[in-house]
Amino acid sequence: MIELERYFNIYGDATKALRECNYENASFLFNILLSFFEEDKESIKDYEHLKEVLKKNIEACDILKNNNI
């Protein structure tokens, strides 16, 4: 069974870190979320879309972190 609360909590923490310009932590949390989605991919109808969105978020965090923005 999928634990949606776990997903929402991690996503909330990741977006909070992003708003606070803590890109390293945001990227870390988005990666954790991506790994949890991977574990439950058979149960998630739009898994591929969610995976791509999270990957783009991670890439953006890494770019911002590397450019000290």
C-alpha atoms as a PDB file:
ATOM      1  CA  MET A   1       0.000   0.000   0.000  1.00  0.00           C
ATOM      2  CA  ILE A   2       1.298   3.472  -0.878  1.00  0.00           C
ATOM      3  CA  GLU A   3       1.916   5.885   1.975  1.00  0.00           C
ATOM      4  CA  LEU A   4       0.809   9.190   0.457  1.00  0.00           C
ATOM      5  CA  GLU A   5       1.483  11.086   3.666  1.00  0.00           C
ATOM      6  CA  ARG A   6       5.157  10.135   3.393  1.00  0.00           C
ATOM      7  CA  TYR A   7       5.255  11.499  -0.172  1.00  0.00           C
ATOM      8  CA  PHE A   8       3.506  14.739   0.754  1.00  0.00           C
ATOM      9  CA  ASN A   9       5.740  15.339   3.775  1.00  0.00           C
ATOM     10  CA  ILE A  10       8.928  14.867   1.786  1.00  0.00           C
ATOM     11  CA  TYR A  11       7.631  16.986  -1.093  1.00  0.00           C
ATOM     12  CA  GLY A  12       6.650  19.720   1.364  1.00  0.00           C
ATOM     13  CA  ASP A  13      10.092  19.653   2.964  1.00  0.00           C
ATOM     14  CA  ALA A  14      11.772  19.741  -0.458  1.00  0.00           C
ATOM     15  CA  THR A  15       9.753  22.708  -1.689  1.00  0.00           C
ATOM     16  CA  LYS A  16      10.377  24.520   1.608  1.00  0.00           C
ATOM     17  CA  ALA A  17      14.116  23.976   1.176  1.00  0.00           C
ATOM     18  CA  LEU A  18      13.816  25.271  -2.380  1.00  0.00           C
ATOM     19  CA  ARG A  19      12.028  28.438  -1.228  1.00  0.00           C
ATOM     20  CA  GLU A  20      14.751  28.953   1.376  1.00  0.00           C
ATOM     21  CA  CYS A  21      17.436  28.619  -1.345  1.00  0.00           C
ATOM     22  CA  ASN A  22      18.755  25.457   0.302  1.00  0.00           C
ATOM     23  CA  TYR A  23      19.235  23.772  -3.063  1.00  0.00           C
ATOM     24  CA  GLU A  24      21.459  20.964  -1.817  1.00  0.00           C
ATOM     25  CA  ASN A  25      18.830  19.798   0.686  1.00  0.00           C
ATOM     26  CA  ALA A  26      16.010  20.277  -1.840  1.00  0.00           C
ATOM     27  CA  SER A  27      17.860  18.156  -4.390  1.00  0.00           C
ATOM     28  CA  PHE A  28      18.529  15.497  -1.737  1.00  0.00           C
ATOM     29  CA  LEU A  29      14.849  15.363  -0.741  1.00  0.00           C
ATOM     30  CA  PHE A  30      13.641  15.242  -4.365  1.00  0.00           C
ATOM     31  CA  ASN A  31      16.040  12.318  -4.896  1.00  0.00           C
ATOM     32  CA  ILE A  32      14.596  10.527  -1.870  1.00  0.00           C
ATOM     33  CA  LEU A  33      11.103  11.082  -3.228  1.00  0.00           C
ATOM     34  CA  LEU A  34      12.186   9.765  -6.614  1.00  0.00           C
ATOM     35  CA  SER A  35      13.537   6.595  -4.991  1.00  0.00           C
ATOM     36  CA  PHE A  36      10.261   6.084  -3.115  1.00  0.00           C
ATOM     37  CA  PHE A  37       8.316   6.534  -6.355  1.00  0.00           C
ATOM     38  CA  GLU A  38      10.605   3.970  -7.970  1.00  0.00           C
ATOM     39  CA  GLU A  39       9.723   1.467  -5.235  1.00  0.00           C
ATOM     40  CA  ASP A  40       5.995   2.013  -5.821  1.00  0.00           C
ATOM     41  CA  LYS A  41       6.028   2.593  -9.590  1.00  0.00           C
ATOM     42  CA  GLU A  42       3.739  -0.358 -10.298  1.00  0.00           C
ATOM     43  CA  SER A  43       1.027   1.283  -8.191  1.00  0.00           C
ATOM     44  CA  ILE A  44       1.384   4.824  -9.570  1.00  0.00           C
ATOM     45  CA  LYS A  45      -0.539   5.434 -12.774  1.00  0.00           C
ATOM     46  CA  ASP A  46       1.428   8.515 -13.836  1.00  0.00           C
ATOM     47  CA  TYR A  47       4.805   7.330 -12.558  1.00  0.00           C
ATOM     48  CA  GLU A  48       6.744   8.268 -15.715  1.00  0.00           C
ATOM     49  CA  HIS A  49       5.399  11.827 -15.640  1.00  0.00           C
ATOM     50  CA  LEU A  50       6.141  12.232 -11.928  1.00  0.00           C
ATOM     51  CA  LYS A  51       9.630  10.835 -12.447  1.00  0.00           C
ATOM     52  CA  GLU A  52      10.359  13.386 -15.177  1.00  0.00           C
ATOM     53  CA  VAL A  53       9.037  16.275 -13.057  1.00  0.00           C
ATOM     54  CA  LEU A  54      11.215  15.248 -10.113  1.00  0.00           C
ATOM     55  CA  LYS A  55      14.266  14.856 -12.344  1.00  0.00           C
ATOM     56  CA  LYS A  56      13.729  18.379 -13.695  1.00  0.00           C
ATOM     57  CA  ASN A  57      13.396  19.702 -10.134  1.00  0.00           C
ATOM     58  CA  ILE A  58      16.648  17.971  -9.177  1.00  0.00           C
ATOM     59  CA  GLU A  59      18.429  19.362 -12.242  1.00  0.00           C
ATOM     60  CA  ALA A  60      17.182  22.873 -11.464  1.00  0.00           C
ATOM     61  CA  CYS A  61      18.342  22.608  -7.842  1.00  0.00           C
ATOM     62  CA  ASP A  62      21.757  21.415  -8.958  1.00  0.00           C
ATOM     63  CA  ILE A  63      22.094  24.270 -11.469  1.00  0.00           C
ATOM     64  CA  LEU A  64      21.068  26.843  -8.877  1.00  0.00           C
ATOM     65  CA  LYS A  65      23.395  25.330  -6.283  1.00  0.00           C
ATOM     66  CA  ASN A  66      26.351  25.265  -8.684  1.00  0.00           C
ATOM     67  CA  ASN A  67      25.767  28.865  -9.768  1.00  0.00           C
ATOM     68  CA  ASN A  68      25.397  30.097  -6.174  1.00  0.00           C
ATOM     69  CA  ILE A  69      22.053  31.696  -6.966  1.00  0.00           C
END
